[in-house]
PDB file of all heavy atoms in Angstrom:
ATOM      1  N   ALA A   1       6.576  13.093 -24.304  1.00  0.00           N
ATOM      2  CA  ALA A   1       5.828  14.222 -24.996  1.00  0.00           C
ATOM      3  C   ALA A   1       6.499  15.601 -24.807  1.00  0.00           C
ATOM      4  O   ALA A   1       6.613  16.395 -25.738  1.00  0.00           O
ATOM      5  CB  ALA A   1       4.412  14.245 -24.488  1.00  0.00           C
ATOM      6  N   GLU A   2       6.944  15.868 -23.579  1.00  0.00           N
ATOM      7  CA  GLU A   2       7.545  17.187 -23.430  1.00  0.00           C
ATOM      8  C   GLU A   2       8.837  17.323 -24.138  1.00  0.00           C
ATOM      9  O   GLU A   2       9.040  18.379 -24.746  1.00  0.00           O
ATOM     10  CB  GLU A   2       7.853  17.353 -21.902  1.00  0.00           C
ATOM     11  CG  GLU A   2       6.607  17.490 -20.996  1.00  0.00           C
ATOM     12  CD  GLU A   2       7.034  17.837 -19.609  1.00  0.00           C
ATOM     13  OE1 GLU A   2       8.253  18.105 -19.295  1.00  0.00           O
ATOM     14  OE2 GLU A   2       6.099  17.778 -18.745  1.00  0.00           O
ATOM     15  N   ARG A   3       9.646  16.252 -24.288  1.00  0.00           N
ATOM     16  CA  ARG A   3      10.804  16.299 -25.100  1.00  0.00           C
ATOM     17  C   ARG A   3      10.612  16.513 -26.413  1.00  0.00           C
ATOM     18  O   ARG A   3      11.144  17.380 -27.180  1.00  0.00           O
ATOM     19  CB  ARG A   3      11.673  15.097 -24.794  1.00  0.00           C
ATOM     20  CG  ARG A   3      13.047  15.022 -25.385  1.00  0.00           C
ATOM     21  CD  ARG A   3      13.804  13.793 -24.982  1.00  0.00           C
ATOM     22  NE  ARG A   3      15.102  13.731 -25.700  1.00  0.00           N
ATOM     23  CZ  ARG A   3      15.563  12.604 -26.176  1.00  0.00           C
ATOM     24  NH1 ARG A   3      14.969  11.554 -26.204  1.00  0.00           N
ATOM     25  NH2 ARG A   3      16.748  12.652 -26.745  1.00  0.00           N
ATOM     26  N   VAL A   4       9.625  15.691 -26.988  1.00  0.00           N
ATOM     27  CA  VAL A   4       9.353  15.779 -28.452  1.00  0.00           C
ATOM     28  C   VAL A   4       8.695  17.121 -28.819  1.00  0.00           C
ATOM     29  O   VAL A   4       8.925  17.721 -29.890  1.00  0.00           O
ATOM     30  CB  VAL A   4       8.302  14.659 -28.827  1.00  0.00           C
ATOM     31  CG1 VAL A   4       7.909  14.841 -30.254  1.00  0.00           C
ATOM     32  CG2 VAL A   4       8.951  13.356 -28.597  1.00  0.00           C
ATOM     33  N   ALA A   5       7.899  17.778 -27.887  1.00  0.00           N
ATOM     34  CA  ALA A   5       7.216  18.985 -28.110  1.00  0.00           C
ATOM     35  C   ALA A   5       8.253  20.079 -28.422  1.00  0.00           C
ATOM     36  O   ALA A   5       7.936  21.043 -29.183  1.00  0.00           O
ATOM     37  CB  ALA A   5       6.302  19.387 -26.969  1.00  0.00           C
ATOM     38  N   THR A   6       9.408  20.007 -27.838  1.00  0.00           N
ATOM     39  CA  THR A   6      10.402  21.092 -28.051  1.00  0.00           C
ATOM     40  C   THR A   6      10.784  21.141 -29.443  1.00  0.00           C
ATOM     41  O   THR A   6      11.237  22.241 -29.921  1.00  0.00           O
ATOM     42  CB  THR A   6      11.633  20.836 -27.092  1.00  0.00           C
ATOM     43  OG1 THR A   6      12.303  19.560 -27.442  1.00  0.00           O
ATOM     44  CG2 THR A   6      11.276  20.889 -25.597  1.00  0.00           C
ATOM     45  N   ALA A   7      10.670  20.082 -30.165  1.00  0.00           N
ATOM     46  CA  ALA A   7      11.127  19.974 -31.614  1.00  0.00           C
ATOM     47  C   ALA A   7      10.077  20.703 -32.506  1.00  0.00           C
ATOM     48  O   ALA A   7      10.371  20.971 -33.677  1.00  0.00           O
ATOM     49  CB  ALA A   7      11.364  18.580 -32.029  1.00  0.00           C
ATOM     50  N   LEU A   8       8.953  20.976 -31.973  1.00  0.00           N
ATOM     51  CA  LEU A   8       7.894  21.643 -32.610  1.00  0.00           C
ATOM     52  C   LEU A   8       7.752  23.087 -32.431  1.00  0.00           C
ATOM     53  O   LEU A   8       6.866  23.807 -32.983  1.00  0.00           O
ATOM     54  CB  LEU A   8       6.613  21.031 -32.386  1.00  0.00           C
ATOM     55  CG  LEU A   8       6.408  19.540 -32.668  1.00  0.00           C
ATOM     56  CD1 LEU A   8       5.138  18.945 -32.100  1.00  0.00           C
ATOM     57  CD2 LEU A   8       6.420  19.300 -34.215  1.00  0.00           C
ATOM     58  N   GLU A   9       8.621  23.717 -31.585  1.00  0.00           N
ATOM     59  CA  GLU A   9       8.632  25.070 -31.162  1.00  0.00           C
ATOM     60  C   GLU A   9       8.664  25.929 -32.425  1.00  0.00           C
ATOM     61  O   GLU A   9       9.470  25.751 -33.296  1.00  0.00           O
ATOM     62  CB  GLU A   9       9.631  25.462 -30.259  1.00  0.00           C
ATOM     63  CG  GLU A   9       9.482  24.756 -28.823  1.00  0.00           C
ATOM     64  CD  GLU A   9      10.615  25.073 -27.886  1.00  0.00           C
ATOM     65  OE1 GLU A   9      11.597  25.682 -28.315  1.00  0.00           O
ATOM     66  OE2 GLU A   9      10.496  24.714 -26.747  1.00  0.00           O
ATOM     67  N   GLY A  10       7.772  26.951 -32.433  1.00  0.00           N
ATOM     68  CA  GLY A  10       7.795  27.884 -33.592  1.00  0.00           C
ATOM     69  C   GLY A  10       6.871  27.551 -34.703  1.00  0.00           C
ATOM     70  O   GLY A  10       6.698  28.381 -35.561  1.00  0.00           O
ATOM     71  N   LEU A  11       6.281  26.290 -34.703  1.00  0.00           N
ATOM     72  CA  LEU A  11       5.408  25.981 -35.686  1.00  0.00           C
ATOM     73  C   LEU A  11       3.970  26.174 -35.259  1.00  0.00           C
ATOM     74  O   LEU A  11       3.644  25.925 -34.159  1.00  0.00           O
ATOM     75  CB  LEU A  11       5.620  24.408 -36.045  1.00  0.00           C
ATOM     76  CG  LEU A  11       6.951  23.986 -36.748  1.00  0.00           C
ATOM     77  CD1 LEU A  11       6.885  22.469 -36.980  1.00  0.00           C
ATOM     78  CD2 LEU A  11       7.114  24.707 -38.005  1.00  0.00           C
ATOM     79  N   ALA A  12       3.220  26.565 -36.204  1.00  0.00           N
ATOM     80  CA  ALA A  12       1.745  26.856 -35.906  1.00  0.00           C
ATOM     81  C   ALA A  12       0.967  25.660 -35.995  1.00  0.00           C
ATOM     82  O   ALA A  12       0.021  25.386 -36.750  1.00  0.00           O
ATOM     83  CB  ALA A  12       1.205  27.809 -36.910  1.00  0.00           C
ATOM     84  N   VAL A  13       1.277  24.743 -34.867  1.00  0.00           N
ATOM     85  CA  VAL A  13       0.538  23.507 -34.788  1.00  0.00           C
ATOM     86  C   VAL A  13      -0.104  23.431 -33.431  1.00  0.00           C
ATOM     87  O   VAL A  13       0.303  24.086 -32.453  1.00  0.00           O
ATOM     88  CB  VAL A  13       1.394  22.247 -35.055  1.00  0.00           C
ATOM     89  CG1 VAL A  13       1.929  22.357 -36.485  1.00  0.00           C
ATOM     90  CG2 VAL A  13       2.468  22.183 -34.035  1.00  0.00           C
ATOM     91  N   GLU A  14      -1.204  22.572 -33.239  1.00  0.00           N
ATOM     92  CA  GLU A  14      -1.784  22.247 -31.930  1.00  0.00           C
ATOM     93  C   GLU A  14      -1.150  20.911 -31.534  1.00  0.00           C
ATOM     94  O   GLU A  14      -1.313  19.974 -32.177  1.00  0.00           O
ATOM     95  CB  GLU A  14      -3.277  22.154 -32.022  1.00  0.00           C
ATOM     96  CG  GLU A  14      -3.953  21.883 -30.711  1.00  0.00           C
ATOM     97  CD  GLU A  14      -5.466  21.797 -30.736  1.00  0.00           C
ATOM     98  OE1 GLU A  14      -6.010  21.992 -31.869  1.00  0.00           O
ATOM     99  OE2 GLU A  14      -6.072  21.446 -29.768  1.00  0.00           O
ATOM    100  N   VAL A  15      -0.622  20.999 -30.364  1.00  0.00           N
ATOM    101  CA  VAL A  15      -0.007  19.735 -29.735  1.00  0.00           C
ATOM    102  C   VAL A  15      -1.009  19.064 -28.766  1.00  0.00           C
ATOM    103  O   VAL A  15      -1.579  19.823 -27.853  1.00  0.00           O
ATOM    104  CB  VAL A  15       1.260  20.060 -29.016  1.00  0.00           C
ATOM    105  CG1 VAL A  15       1.807  18.839 -28.281  1.00  0.00           C
ATOM    106  CG2 VAL A  15       2.303  20.536 -29.948  1.00  0.00           C
ATOM    107  N   VAL A  16      -1.294  17.900 -28.908  1.00  0.00           N
ATOM    108  CA  VAL A  16      -2.276  17.095 -28.053  1.00  0.00           C
ATOM    109  C   VAL A  16      -1.427  15.863 -27.527  1.00  0.00           C
ATOM    110  O   VAL A  16      -0.744  15.236 -28.257  1.00  0.00           O
ATOM    111  CB  VAL A  16      -3.521  16.595 -28.882  1.00  0.00           C
ATOM    112  CG1 VAL A  16      -4.392  15.805 -27.957  1.00  0.00           C
ATOM    113  CG2 VAL A  16      -4.260  17.816 -29.391  1.00  0.00           C
ATOM    114  N   VAL A  17      -1.534  15.709 -26.263  1.00  0.00           N
ATOM    115  CA  VAL A  17      -0.862  14.619 -25.574  1.00  0.00           C
ATOM    116  C   VAL A  17      -1.872  13.489 -25.324  1.00  0.00           C
ATOM    117  O   VAL A  17      -3.002  13.699 -24.761  1.00  0.00           O
ATOM    118  CB  VAL A  17      -0.192  15.007 -24.351  1.00  0.00           C
ATOM    119  CG1 VAL A  17       0.349  13.833 -23.595  1.00  0.00           C
ATOM    120  CG2 VAL A  17       0.813  16.059 -24.503  1.00  0.00           C
ATOM    121  N   ASN A  18      -1.553  12.290 -25.854  1.00  0.00           N
ATOM    122  CA  ASN A  18      -2.364  11.108 -25.670  1.00  0.00           C
ATOM    123  C   ASN A  18      -1.827  10.277 -24.404  1.00  0.00           C
ATOM    124  O   ASN A  18      -0.838   9.578 -24.524  1.00  0.00           O
ATOM    125  CB  ASN A  18      -2.335  10.231 -26.858  1.00  0.00           C
ATOM    126  CG  ASN A  18      -2.875   8.929 -26.770  1.00  0.00           C
ATOM    127  OD1 ASN A  18      -3.772   8.748 -25.865  1.00  0.00           O
ATOM    128  ND2 ASN A  18      -2.561   7.971 -27.599  1.00  0.00           N
ATOM    129  N   PRO A  19      -2.610  10.423 -23.304  1.00  0.00           N
ATOM    130  CA  PRO A  19      -2.083   9.618 -22.153  1.00  0.00           C
ATOM    131  C   PRO A  19      -2.186   8.175 -22.356  1.00  0.00           C
ATOM    132  O   PRO A  19      -1.605   7.439 -21.540  1.00  0.00           O
ATOM    133  CB  PRO A  19      -3.022  10.232 -21.053  1.00  0.00           C
ATOM    134  CG  PRO A  19      -4.304  10.634 -21.731  1.00  0.00           C
ATOM    135  CD  PRO A  19      -3.796  11.185 -23.000  1.00  0.00           C
ATOM    136  N   ALA A  20      -2.978   7.712 -23.302  1.00  0.00           N
ATOM    137  CA  ALA A  20      -3.119   6.304 -23.505  1.00  0.00           C
ATOM    138  C   ALA A  20      -2.243   5.806 -24.702  1.00  0.00           C
ATOM    139  O   ALA A  20      -2.652   4.831 -25.402  1.00  0.00           O
ATOM    140  CB  ALA A  20      -4.570   5.946 -23.772  1.00  0.00           C
ATOM    141  N   HIS A  21      -1.134   6.376 -24.928  1.00  0.00           N
ATOM    142  CA  HIS A  21      -0.277   6.098 -26.154  1.00  0.00           C
ATOM    143  C   HIS A  21       0.134   4.738 -26.126  1.00  0.00           C
ATOM    144  O   HIS A  21       0.481   4.033 -27.138  1.00  0.00           O
ATOM    145  CB  HIS A  21       0.777   7.144 -26.368  1.00  0.00           C
ATOM    146  CG  HIS A  21       1.796   6.986 -25.205  1.00  0.00           C
ATOM    147  ND1 HIS A  21       1.737   7.706 -24.037  1.00  0.00           N
ATOM    148  CD2 HIS A  21       3.030   6.355 -25.141  1.00  0.00           C
ATOM    149  CE1 HIS A  21       2.745   7.485 -23.291  1.00  0.00           C
ATOM    150  NE2 HIS A  21       3.555   6.629 -23.967  1.00  0.00           N
ATOM    151  N   ARG A  22       0.286   4.150 -24.992  1.00  0.00           N
ATOM    152  CA  ARG A  22       0.784   2.734 -24.856  1.00  0.00           C
ATOM    153  C   ARG A  22      -0.221   1.780 -25.439  1.00  0.00           C
ATOM    154  O   ARG A  22       0.132   0.627 -25.763  1.00  0.00           O
ATOM    155  CB  ARG A  22       1.141   2.378 -23.440  1.00  0.00           C
ATOM    156  CG  ARG A  22       2.319   3.044 -22.872  1.00  0.00           C
ATOM    157  CD  ARG A  22       2.538   2.674 -21.399  1.00  0.00           C
ATOM    158  NE  ARG A  22       3.648   3.401 -20.858  1.00  0.00           N
ATOM    159  CZ  ARG A  22       4.944   3.024 -20.896  1.00  0.00           C
ATOM    160  NH1 ARG A  22       5.136   1.824 -21.491  1.00  0.00           N
ATOM    161  NH2 ARG A  22       5.913   3.658 -20.408  1.00  0.00           N
ATOM    162  N   LYS A  23      -1.390   2.159 -25.574  1.00  0.00           N
ATOM    163  CA  LYS A  23      -2.492   1.306 -26.102  1.00  0.00           C
ATOM    164  C   LYS A  23      -2.442   1.228 -27.742  1.00  0.00           C
ATOM    165  O   LYS A  23      -3.245   0.442 -28.300  1.00  0.00           O
ATOM    166  CB  LYS A  23      -3.854   1.693 -25.643  1.00  0.00           C
ATOM    167  CG  LYS A  23      -4.136   1.592 -24.152  1.00  0.00           C
ATOM    168  CD  LYS A  23      -5.492   1.995 -23.777  1.00  0.00           C
ATOM    169  CE  LYS A  23      -5.771   1.837 -22.267  1.00  0.00           C
ATOM    170  NZ  LYS A  23      -5.629   0.417 -21.763  1.00  0.00           N
ATOM    171  N   GLY A  24      -1.611   1.997 -28.295  1.00  0.00           N
ATOM    172  CA  GLY A  24      -1.479   1.943 -29.725  1.00  0.00           C
ATOM    173  C   GLY A  24      -2.016   3.091 -30.482  1.00  0.00           C
ATOM    174  O   GLY A  24      -2.582   4.060 -29.921  1.00  0.00           O
TER     175      GLY A  24
END
């Protein structure tokens, strides 16, 4: 998540991290 979030820098989006992402 932290690595991917860097690709969104400067965009007016809300980033949410799903701690259960392995569940699908």
